[in-house]
C-alpha atoms as a PDB file:
ATOM      1  CA  MET A   1      91.096  75.702   5.988  1.00  0.00           C
ATOM      2  CA  PHE A   2      87.844  75.127   7.106  1.00  0.00           C
ATOM      3  CA  VAL A   3      87.009  75.495  10.779  1.00  0.00           C
ATOM      4  CA  ILE A   4      84.345  73.634  12.505  1.00  0.00           C
ATOM      5  CA  PHE A   5      83.817  74.529  16.325  1.00  0.00           C
ATOM      6  CA  GLY A   6      82.158  72.094  18.342  1.00  0.00           C
ATOM      7  CA  ALA A   7      83.706  69.182  15.494  1.00  0.00           C
ATOM      8  CA  SER A   8      83.443  66.580  18.237  1.00  0.00           C
ATOM      9  CA  GLY A   9      79.424  66.775  17.867  1.00  0.00           C
ATOM     10  CA  LYS A  10      76.657  64.848  16.791  1.00  0.00           C
ATOM     11  CA  ALA A  11      77.108  67.570  13.620  1.00  0.00           C
ATOM     12  CA  GLY A  12      80.185  68.741  13.552  1.00  0.00           C
ATOM     13  CA  SER A  13      81.675  65.380  13.315  1.00  0.00           C
ATOM     14  CA  VAL A  14      79.818  64.463  10.197  1.00  0.00           C
ATOM     15  CA  THR A  15      79.812  67.903   9.132  1.00  0.00           C
ATOM     16  CA  ALA A  16      84.546  67.304   9.587  1.00  0.00           C
ATOM     17  CA  ALA A  17      84.340  63.827   8.286  1.00  0.00           C
ATOM     18  CA  ALA A  18      82.592  65.058   4.640  1.00  0.00           C
ATOM     19  CA  LEU A  19      85.366  67.707   3.832  1.00  0.00           C
ATOM     20  CA  ARG A  20      87.875  66.016   4.490  1.00  0.00           C
ATOM     21  CA  ARG A  21      86.669  63.058   2.146  1.00  0.00           C
ATOM     22  CA  ALA A  22      86.335  65.766  -0.289  1.00  0.00           C
ATOM     23  CA  GLY A  23      89.746  66.256   0.784  1.00  0.00           C
ATOM     24  CA  GLU A  24      89.376  69.429   2.486  1.00  0.00           C
ATOM     25  CA  PRO A  25      92.171  70.750   5.126  1.00  0.00           C
ATOM     26  CA  VAL A  26      90.364  71.329   8.535  1.00  0.00           C
ATOM     27  CA  ARG A  27      91.196  72.639  11.643  1.00  0.00           C
ATOM     28  CA  ALA A  28      88.762  70.970  13.676  1.00  0.00           C
ATOM     29  CA  VAL A  29      87.394  73.436  17.238  1.00  0.00           C
ATOM     30  CA  VAL A  30      87.675  71.493  20.425  1.00  0.00           C
ATOM     31  CA  ARG A  31      87.004  71.773  23.829  1.00  0.00           C
ATOM     32  CA  ASP A  32      90.001  69.230  25.600  1.00  0.00           C
ATOM     33  CA  THR A  33      92.515  66.590  22.944  1.00  0.00           C
ATOM     34  CA  ARG A  34      90.228  63.238  24.426  1.00  0.00           C
ATOM     35  CA  GLN A  35      87.564  65.003  21.809  1.00  0.00           C
ATOM     36  CA  GLY A  36      89.575  65.254  19.168  1.00  0.00           C
ATOM     37  CA  GLU A  37      91.067  62.476  19.272  1.00  0.00           C
ATOM     38  CA  ASN A  38      89.592  60.716  16.416  1.00  0.00           C
ATOM     39  CA  LEU A  39      89.550  64.135  14.705  1.00  0.00           C
ATOM     40  CA  ALA A  40      92.838  63.380  14.006  1.00  0.00           C
ATOM     41  CA  LYS A  41      92.822  60.222  13.138  1.00  0.00           C
ATOM     42  CA  LEU A  42      90.187  61.743   9.963  1.00  0.00           C
ATOM     43  CA  GLY A  43      93.576  63.818   9.194  1.00  0.00           C
ATOM     44  CA  CYS A  44      91.804  67.530  11.105  1.00  0.00           C
ATOM     45  CA  GLU A  45      94.596  69.652  12.296  1.00  0.00           C
ATOM     46  CA  ILE A  46      93.444  70.222  16.254  1.00  0.00           C
ATOM     47  CA  ALA A  47      92.233  73.829  17.559  1.00  0.00           C
ATOM     48  CA  LEU A  48      91.893  73.633  21.793  1.00  0.00           C
ATOM     49  CA  ALA A  49      89.928  76.766  22.058  1.00  0.00           C
ATOM     50  CA  ASP A  50      86.637  77.010  24.983  1.00  0.00           C
ATOM     51  CA  LEU A  51      83.926  79.778  23.070  1.00  0.00           C
ATOM     52  CA  THR A  52      84.043  82.423  25.825  1.00  0.00           C
ATOM     53  CA  ASP A  53      88.009  82.836  25.260  1.00  0.00           C
ATOM     54  CA  PRO A  54      88.593  85.486  23.556  1.00  0.00           C
ATOM     55  CA  HIS A  55      92.031  84.728  22.279  1.00  0.00           C
ATOM     56  CA  ALA A  56      92.278  80.733  21.685  1.00  0.00           C
ATOM     57  CA  VAL A  57      88.884  81.899  19.566  1.00  0.00           C
ATOM     58  CA  ALA A  58      91.177  84.464  17.647  1.00  0.00           C
ATOM     59  CA  THR A  59      93.020  81.915  17.510  1.00  0.00           C
ATOM     60  CA  ALA A  60      90.924  79.148  15.745  1.00  0.00           C
ATOM     61  CA  ILE A  61      90.465  80.784  13.430  1.00  0.00           C
ATOM     62  CA  LYS A  62      93.520  82.342  11.468  1.00  0.00           C
ATOM     63  CA  GLY A  63      94.198  80.800   8.149  1.00  0.00           C
ATOM     64  CA  ALA A  64      90.554  79.987   7.933  1.00  0.00           C
ATOM     65  CA  HIS A  65      89.208  80.500   3.874  1.00  0.00           C
ATOM     66  CA  ALA A  66      85.896  79.084   5.724  1.00  0.00           C
ATOM     67  CA  VAL A  67      83.849  78.722   8.870  1.00  0.00           C
ATOM     68  CA  GLN A  68      81.217  76.333  10.857  1.00  0.00           C
ATOM     69  CA  LEU A  69      79.841  77.872  14.140  1.00  0.00           C
ATOM     70  CA  LEU A  70      78.281  76.286  16.455  1.00  0.00           C
ATOM     71  CA  CYS A  71      77.263  77.287  20.186  1.00  0.00           C
ATOM     72  CA  PRO A  72      75.838  74.797  21.737  1.00  0.00           C
ATOM     73  CA  VAL A  73      73.568  75.854  24.779  1.00  0.00           C
ATOM     74  CA  PRO A  74      76.081  74.477  27.568  1.00  0.00           C
ATOM     75  CA  SER A  75      74.179  71.874  29.351  1.00  0.00           C
ATOM     76  CA  GLY A  76      74.486  72.336  34.057  1.00  0.00           C
ATOM     77  CA  ASP A  77      75.391  75.789  33.421  1.00  0.00           C
ATOM     78  CA  THR A  78      73.458  77.520  36.229  1.00  0.00           C
ATOM     79  CA  ASP A  79      72.497  80.989  33.571  1.00  0.00           C
ATOM     80  CA  PRO A  80      73.402  79.035  30.533  1.00  0.00           C
ATOM     81  CA  GLU A  81      70.914  82.174  28.592  1.00  0.00           C
ATOM     82  CA  THR A  82      74.165  84.515  29.779  1.00  0.00           C
ATOM     83  CA  THR A  83      76.627  82.264  29.225  1.00  0.00           C
ATOM     84  CA  MET A  84      75.639  81.449  25.337  1.00  0.00           C
ATOM     85  CA  ARG A  85      75.620  85.105  25.049  1.00  0.00           C
ATOM     86  CA  ALA A  86      79.397  86.051  26.328  1.00  0.00           C
ATOM     87  CA  MET A  87      80.488  82.792  23.388  1.00  0.00           C
ATOM     88  CA  ILE A  88      78.217  84.661  20.689  1.00  0.00           C
ATOM     89  CA  ASP A  89      79.603  87.998  21.107  1.00  0.00           C
ATOM     90  CA  VAL A  90      83.493  86.592  21.245  1.00  0.00           C
ATOM     91  CA  ALA A  91      82.457  84.356  18.334  1.00  0.00           C
ATOM     92  CA  THR A  92      80.723  87.423  16.129  1.00  0.00           C
ATOM     93  CA  ASP A  93      84.303  89.708  17.532  1.00  0.00           C
ATOM     94  CA  ALA A  94      86.620  86.875  16.588  1.00  0.00           C
ATOM     95  CA  LEU A  95      85.226  87.338  13.003  1.00  0.00           C
ATOM     96  CA  ARG A  96      84.611  90.755  12.542  1.00  0.00           C
ATOM     97  CA  GLU A  97      87.677  91.221  13.346  1.00  0.00           C
ATOM     98  CA  ASN A  98      89.628  88.535  10.967  1.00  0.00           C
ATOM     99  CA  PRO A  99      86.667  87.657   8.736  1.00  0.00           C
ATOM    100  CA  PRO A 100      86.827  84.173   6.546  1.00  0.00           C
ATOM    101  CA  ALA A 101      85.601  84.273   2.703  1.00  0.00           C
ATOM    102  CA  ARG A 102      82.572  81.832   3.790  1.00  0.00           C
ATOM    103  CA  LEU A 103      80.413  81.929   7.420  1.00  0.00           C
ATOM    104  CA  LEU A 104      78.082  78.987   7.579  1.00  0.00           C
ATOM    105  CA  ALA A 105      75.816  79.248  11.682  1.00  0.00           C
ATOM    106  CA  ILE A 106      73.998  75.931  13.120  1.00  0.00           C
ATOM    107  CA  SER A 107      70.933  78.135  13.998  1.00  0.00           C
ATOM    108  CA  ASP A 108      67.260  77.056  14.751  1.00  0.00           C
ATOM    109  CA  TYR A 109      63.798  76.889  13.575  1.00  0.00           C
ATOM    110  CA  GLY A 110      62.325  80.035  14.547  1.00  0.00           C
ATOM    111  CA  ALA A 111      65.336  82.028  15.339  1.00  0.00           C
ATOM    112  CA  GLU A 112      63.694  84.872  13.278  1.00  0.00           C
ATOM    113  CA  LEU A 113      61.468  85.702  15.619  1.00  0.00           C
ATOM    114  CA  PRO A 114      61.586  88.537  18.202  1.00  0.00           C
ATOM    115  CA  LEU A 115      60.066  86.918  20.577  1.00  0.00           C
ATOM    116  CA  ASN A 116      59.943  85.120  23.859  1.00  0.00           C
ATOM    117  CA  THR A 117      61.346  82.402  22.913  1.00  0.00           C
ATOM    118  CA  GLY A 118      63.075  80.821  25.382  1.00  0.00           C
ATOM    119  CA  ILE A 119      65.965  79.394  23.728  1.00  0.00           C
ATOM    120  CA  THR A 120      65.260  79.639  20.386  1.00  0.00           C
ATOM    121  CA  ARG A 121      65.415  84.001  21.408  1.00  0.00           C
ATOM    122  CA  LEU A 122      69.178  82.803  22.398  1.00  0.00           C
ATOM    123  CA  PHE A 123      70.238  81.435  17.812  1.00  0.00           C
ATOM    124  CA  HIS A 124      67.483  84.522  16.760  1.00  0.00           C
ATOM    125  CA  TYR A 125      70.555  87.094  19.019  1.00  0.00           C
ATOM    126  CA  LEU A 126      73.127  84.963  17.539  1.00  0.00           C
ATOM    127  CA  GLU A 127      71.774  85.482  13.829  1.00  0.00           C
ATOM    128  CA  ASN A 128      71.583  89.289  14.314  1.00  0.00           C
ATOM    129  CA  ARG A 129      75.444  89.459  15.620  1.00  0.00           C
ATOM    130  CA  LEU A 130      76.347  87.340  12.356  1.00  0.00           C
ATOM    131  CA  ALA A 131      74.551  89.321  10.417  1.00  0.00           C
ATOM    132  CA  ARG A 132      77.362  92.769  10.988  1.00  0.00           C
ATOM    133  CA  VAL A 133      79.528  89.763   9.061  1.00  0.00           C
ATOM    134  CA  GLU A 134      81.468  91.352   6.452  1.00  0.00           C
ATOM    135  CA  THR A 135      81.816  87.499   4.413  1.00  0.00           C
ATOM    136  CA  GLN A 136      79.099  85.325   2.375  1.00  0.00           C
ATOM    137  CA  LEU A 137      76.517  84.332   5.353  1.00  0.00           C
ATOM    138  CA  THR A 138      74.976  81.065   5.912  1.00  0.00           C
ATOM    139  CA  MET A 139      72.396  80.547   8.571  1.00  0.00           C
ATOM    140  CA  LEU A 140      71.860  76.677   8.513  1.00  0.00           C
ATOM    141  CA  ARG A 141      68.761  76.764  10.762  1.00  0.00           C
ATOM    142  CA  SER A 142      67.738  73.079  12.330  1.00  0.00           C
ATOM    143  CA  ALA A 143      64.704  71.765  13.486  1.00  0.00           C
ATOM    144  CA  GLU A 144      64.374  69.886  16.070  1.00  0.00           C
ATOM    145  CA  HIS A 145      67.084  67.147  16.747  1.00  0.00           C
ATOM    146  CA  MET A 146      65.683  63.906  17.014  1.00  0.00           C
ATOM    147  CA  GLN A 147      68.690  62.623  19.398  1.00  0.00           C
ATOM    148  CA  ASN A 148      66.672  64.784  21.832  1.00  0.00           C
ATOM    149  CA  TRP A 149      64.557  62.347  22.264  1.00  0.00           C
ATOM    150  CA  ALA A 150      67.288  59.989  24.288  1.00  0.00           C
ATOM    151  CA  ALA A 151      65.822  62.037  27.580  1.00  0.00           C
ATOM    152  CA  PHE A 152      63.232  60.753  27.685  1.00  0.00           C
ATOM    153  CA  ILE A 153      63.905  56.947  26.985  1.00  0.00           C
ATOM    154  CA  PRO A 154      65.089  55.975  29.873  1.00  0.00           C
ATOM    155  CA  GLY A 155      61.960  56.705  32.089  1.00  0.00           C
ATOM    156  CA  ALA A 156      59.872  55.840  28.581  1.00  0.00           C
ATOM    157  CA  LEU A 157      61.657  52.211  29.559  1.00  0.00           C
ATOM    158  CA  ALA A 158      60.551  52.134  32.759  1.00  0.00           C
ATOM    159  CA  THR A 159      57.180  53.012  33.761  1.00  0.00           C
ATOM    160  CA  GLY A 160      55.986  52.574  29.802  1.00  0.00           C
ATOM    161  CA  THR A 161      54.981  55.884  29.391  1.00  0.00           C
ATOM    162  CA  LEU A 162      56.526  58.895  27.414  1.00  0.00           C
ATOM    163  CA  ALA A 163      56.657  62.205  28.794  1.00  0.00           C
ATOM    164  CA  SER A 164      55.818  65.162  26.515  1.00  0.00           C
ATOM    165  CA  LEU A 165      56.318  68.568  26.416  1.00  0.00           C
ATOM    166  CA  HIS A 166      54.739  68.707  22.672  1.00  0.00           C
ATOM    167  CA  LEU A 167      51.039  69.238  23.217  1.00  0.00           C
ATOM    168  CA  PRO A 168      48.745  68.057  21.749  1.00  0.00           C
ATOM    169  CA  LEU A 169      50.089  64.644  21.315  1.00  0.00           C
ATOM    170  CA  ASP A 170      48.844  64.067  17.362  1.00  0.00           C
ATOM    171  CA  ARG A 171      50.101  67.350  15.724  1.00  0.00           C
ATOM    172  CA  PRO A 172      52.771  67.101  13.534  1.00  0.00           C
ATOM    173  CA  PHE A 173      56.478  68.961  13.716  1.00  0.00           C
ATOM    174  CA  ALA A 174      59.386  68.689  12.129  1.00  0.00           C
ATOM    175  CA  THR A 175      62.018  67.238  13.785  1.00  0.00           C
ATOM    176  CA  VAL A 176      65.810  66.255  11.948  1.00  0.00           C
ATOM    177  CA  ALA A 177      68.520  64.344  12.879  1.00  0.00           C
ATOM    178  CA  ALA A 178      72.350  65.592  14.036  1.00  0.00           C
ATOM    179  CA  GLN A 179      73.897  64.150  10.653  1.00  0.00           C
ATOM    180  CA  ASP A 180      72.111  64.931   8.723  1.00  0.00           C
ATOM    181  CA  VAL A 181      72.195  68.425   9.619  1.00  0.00           C
ATOM    182  CA  GLY A 182      76.613  67.786   9.184  1.00  0.00           C
ATOM    183  CA  ALA A 183      76.094  66.595   5.952  1.00  0.00           C
ATOM    184  CA  ALA A 184      74.183  70.007   5.089  1.00  0.00           C
ATOM    185  CA  SER A 185      76.903  71.867   6.858  1.00  0.00           C
ATOM    186  CA  ALA A 186      79.420  70.654   4.560  1.00  0.00           C
ATOM    187  CA  GLU A 187      77.844  70.577   1.080  1.00  0.00           C
ATOM    188  CA  LEU A 188      77.003  74.547   1.431  1.00  0.00           C
ATOM    189  CA  LEU A 189      80.109  75.291   2.639  1.00  0.00           C
ATOM    190  CA  LEU A 190      81.391  73.699  -0.250  1.00  0.00           C
ATOM    191  CA  GLU A 191      79.053  75.256  -2.843  1.00  0.00           C
ATOM    192  CA  SER A 192      79.724  78.096  -4.693  1.00  0.00           C
ATOM    193  CA  HIS A 193      77.535  81.681  -3.476  1.00  0.00           C
ATOM    194  CA  GLN A 194      78.538  84.788  -4.669  1.00  0.00           C
ATOM    195  CA  SER A 195      76.026  86.883  -2.883  1.00  0.00           C
ATOM    196  CA  ARG A 196      76.640  89.272   0.086  1.00  0.00           C
ATOM    197  CA  LYS A 197      73.424  88.804   1.224  1.00  0.00           C
ATOM    198  CA  THR A 198      72.470  86.293   3.860  1.00  0.00           C
ATOM    199  CA  ARG A 199      71.351  83.419   2.657  1.00  0.00           C
ATOM    200  CA  ILE A 200      68.646  81.294   5.272  1.00  0.00           C
ATOM    201  CA  VAL A 201      68.313  77.236   4.876  1.00  0.00           C
ATOM    202  CA  SER A 202      66.554  75.279   6.912  1.00  0.00           C
ATOM    203  CA  ILE A 203      66.949  71.269   7.765  1.00  0.00           C
ATOM    204  CA  GLU A 204      64.506  68.911   8.610  1.00  0.00           C
ATOM    205  CA  GLY A 205      63.649  64.897   7.911  1.00  0.00           C
ATOM    206  CA  PRO A 206      62.045  63.264   5.665  1.00  0.00           C
ATOM    207  CA  GLN A 207      58.555  63.289   6.900  1.00  0.00           C
ATOM    208  CA  ARG A 208      56.851  64.988   9.972  1.00  0.00           C
ATOM    209  CA  VAL A 209      55.845  63.636  13.342  1.00  0.00           C
ATOM    210  CA  SER A 210      54.027  63.769  16.228  1.00  0.00           C
ATOM    211  CA  VAL A 211      54.776  62.379  19.848  1.00  0.00           C
ATOM    212  CA  ASN A 212      52.573  59.639  18.962  1.00  0.00           C
ATOM    213  CA  ASP A 213      54.505  58.162  16.284  1.00  0.00           C
ATOM    214  CA  ILE A 214      57.435  58.783  17.941  1.00  0.00           C
ATOM    215  CA  ALA A 215      56.424  56.143  21.260  1.00  0.00           C
ATOM    216  CA  ALA A 216      55.241  54.003  18.208  1.00  0.00           C
ATOM    217  CA  VAL A 217      58.865  54.171  16.591  1.00  0.00           C
ATOM    218  CA  LEU A 218      59.649  53.693  20.627  1.00  0.00           C
ATOM    219  CA  SER A 219      56.918  50.809  21.040  1.00  0.00           C
ATOM    220  CA  GLU A 220      58.971  48.945  17.627  1.00  0.00           C
ATOM    221  CA  ALA A 221      62.384  49.680  19.054  1.00  0.00           C
ATOM    222  CA  SER A 222      61.966  48.482  22.814  1.00  0.00           C
ATOM    223  CA  GLY A 223      58.824  45.562  22.452  1.00  0.00           C
ATOM    224  CA  ARG A 224      56.755  46.494  24.343  1.00  0.00           C
ATOM    225  CA  THR A 225      53.920  49.243  24.792  1.00  0.00           C
ATOM    226  CA  ILE A 226      54.961  53.363  25.035  1.00  0.00           C
ATOM    227  CA  THR A 227      52.420  55.445  25.339  1.00  0.00           C
ATOM    228  CA  PRO A 228      52.387  58.924  24.638  1.00  0.00           C
ATOM    229  CA  HIS A 229      50.983  61.111  27.807  1.00  0.00           C
ATOM    230  CA  ALA A 230      50.373  64.995  27.429  1.00  0.00           C
ATOM    231  CA  LEU A 231      52.552  66.927  30.625  1.00  0.00           C
ATOM    232  CA  ALA A 232      50.278  69.727  32.192  1.00  0.00           C
ATOM    233  CA  ARG A 233      51.449  73.350  31.758  1.00  0.00           C
ATOM    234  CA  GLU A 234      52.107  73.340  36.256  1.00  0.00           C
ATOM    235  CA  SER A 235      54.417  69.956  36.242  1.00  0.00           C
ATOM    236  CA  TRP A 236      56.901  70.935  32.909  1.00  0.00           C
ATOM    237  CA  THR A 237      58.726  72.989  35.730  1.00  0.00           C
ATOM    238  CA  PRO A 238      59.358  70.477  38.482  1.00  0.00           C
ATOM    239  CA  MET A 239      59.796  68.187  35.979  1.00  0.00           C
ATOM    240  CA  LEU A 240      62.919  70.337  34.592  1.00  0.00           C
ATOM    241  CA  LEU A 241      64.066  71.214  38.045  1.00  0.00           C
ATOM    242  CA  LYS A 242      63.850  67.306  39.542  1.00  0.00           C
ATOM    243  CA  ALA A 243      66.193  66.112  36.131  1.00  0.00           C
ATOM    244  CA  GLY A 244      68.637  68.494  37.374  1.00  0.00           C
ATOM    245  CA  LEU A 245      67.938  71.575  35.405  1.00  0.00           C
ATOM    246  CA  SER A 246      69.119  75.252  36.967  1.00  0.00           C
ATOM    247  CA  GLU A 247      66.008  77.845  37.106  1.00  0.00           C
ATOM    248  CA  ASN A 248      67.499  78.768  33.987  1.00  0.00           C
ATOM    249  CA  HIS A 249      67.451  76.781  32.037  1.00  0.00           C
ATOM    250  CA  THR A 250      63.878  75.066  32.883  1.00  0.00           C
ATOM    251  CA  ARG A 251      62.775  79.174  32.201  1.00  0.00           C
ATOM    252  CA  LEU A 252      64.355  79.201  28.709  1.00  0.00           C
ATOM    253  CA  ILE A 253      62.354  75.614  27.961  1.00  0.00           C
ATOM    254  CA  THR A 254      59.594  76.770  28.991  1.00  0.00           C
ATOM    255  CA  ASP A 255      59.473  79.993  27.303  1.00  0.00           C
ATOM    256  CA  LEU A 256      60.200  77.572  24.267  1.00  0.00           C
ATOM    257  CA  TYR A 257      57.639  75.482  24.658  1.00  0.00           C
ATOM    258  CA  ASP A 258      55.339  78.191  25.280  1.00  0.00           C
ATOM    259  CA  ILE A 259      55.892  79.512  22.008  1.00  0.00           C
ATOM    260  CA  PHE A 260      56.255  76.673  20.284  1.00  0.00           C
ATOM    261  CA  ASN A 261      52.549  74.244  20.675  1.00  0.00           C
ATOM    262  CA  THR A 262      51.342  77.615  19.062  1.00  0.00           C
ATOM    263  CA  GLY A 263      52.664  76.403  16.136  1.00  0.00           C
ATOM    264  CA  ARG A 264      54.606  79.530  15.826  1.00  0.00           C
ATOM    265  CA  ILE A 265      58.065  78.167  15.279  1.00  0.00           C
ATOM    266  CA  ASP A 266      58.118  76.698  11.851  1.00  0.00           C
ATOM    267  CA  VAL A 267      60.376  77.187   7.724  1.00  0.00           C
ATOM    268  CA  GLU A 268      59.835  80.798   7.640  1.00  0.00           C
ATOM    269  CA  ALA A 269      58.707  79.973   4.108  1.00  0.00           C
ATOM    270  CA  SER A 270      59.150  83.520   3.089  1.00  0.00           C
ATOM    271  CA  ARG A 271      62.750  83.720   2.985  1.00  0.00           C
ATOM    272  CA  SER A 272      64.785  80.081   3.804  1.00  0.00           C
ATOM    273  CA  GLU A 273      65.579  77.475   1.491  1.00  0.00           C
ATOM    274  CA  ARG A 274      64.589  73.628   2.141  1.00  0.00           C
ATOM    275  CA  ARG A 275      66.344  70.710   2.608  1.00  0.00           C
ATOM    276  CA  PHE A 276      65.659  67.432   3.688  1.00  0.00           C
ATOM    277  CA  GLY A 277      67.401  64.860   5.501  1.00  0.00           C
ATOM    278  CA  ALA A 278      67.600  61.543   4.719  1.00  0.00           C
ATOM    279  CA  THR A 279      67.179  59.827   8.124  1.00  0.00           C
ATOM    280  CA  PRO A 280      64.590  58.501   9.678  1.00  0.00           C
ATOM    281  CA  LEU A 281      63.564  58.843  13.346  1.00  0.00           C
ATOM    282  CA  ARG A 282      63.357  54.343  13.284  1.00  0.00           C
ATOM    283  CA  ASP A 283      67.044  54.124  12.634  1.00  0.00           C
ATOM    284  CA  VAL A 284      68.033  56.729  15.550  1.00  0.00           C
ATOM    285  CA  LEU A 285      65.656  56.319  18.069  1.00  0.00           C
ATOM    286  CA  GLY A 286      66.024  52.516  17.690  1.00  0.00           C
ATOM    287  CA  PRO A 287      70.498  52.211  18.211  1.00  0.00           C
ATOM    288  CA  LEU A 288      68.723  54.577  21.196  1.00  0.00           C
ATOM    289  CA  VAL A 289      66.746  52.623  22.587  1.00  0.00           C
ATOM    290  CA  ALA A 290      68.944  49.195  22.708  1.00  0.00           C
ATOM    291  CA  LYS A 291      71.690  51.700  24.268  1.00  0.00           C
ATOM    292  CA  PHE A 292      69.957  52.220  26.973  1.00  0.00           C
ATOM    293  CA  LYS A 293      68.660  48.936  27.889  1.00  0.00           C
ATOM    294  CA  ARG A 294      72.145  47.389  27.339  1.00  0.00           C
ATOM    295  CA  GLN A 295      72.673  49.765  30.340  1.00  0.00           C
END
């Protein structure tokens, strides 16, 4: 049995579907029955669990040969760091009590850094905690998801300006389509890997892009000129708070970009295997632009 946490998400749903196409039994872990409807149509067994619920998580992994763990940063949470650490602790305790033969966790570029990297430091915590589980452990470190730019598209379409915390605007950085992360996860779960040494795999898209490139793709897709704009550091917090994020969530993001913009968050070249998704930026942003234009 392959147990997929976060199975209703953009990456997890692709993992579950790929495993089902390979003929594998899949238990899709979701938070409510509505999220599981499409997965059930694929033949997945559906398990309902909140990652902060020890009993539900322990029940979800019973009988698992392999587990994919995805601990998302909780959106709309006033203290997402505390909540995510609790999720990680609950999952780790359940997995140590009943370890599967294989465990794959979706992590983040830069998770190896013992620094104040905001959101990324939570994945540093995830990797350190899961290292205690007696299993064949794979950390799939993902570059920034291309889909994250969806939050900036409505403003860009309305104003003709793409605001950015990425600095400088012409510096290429790694991104990846969420569906490519899901596909890579399925491939890794199906691969034979006998070593007890933690396997580190990094995934990014077919080529690195800059904010200037992203603005150009949005311009092409929207039919209007979108100009990239580097947000001054002092405007980051007010903008994020105005967008509805809590102070704690805002701090996680600003701490992340303070380090990210120095170039220190990247592939850990000395340890990591490299994988590359096939989905180009325009194939992700184009449909998102069309969606927002219809609204």
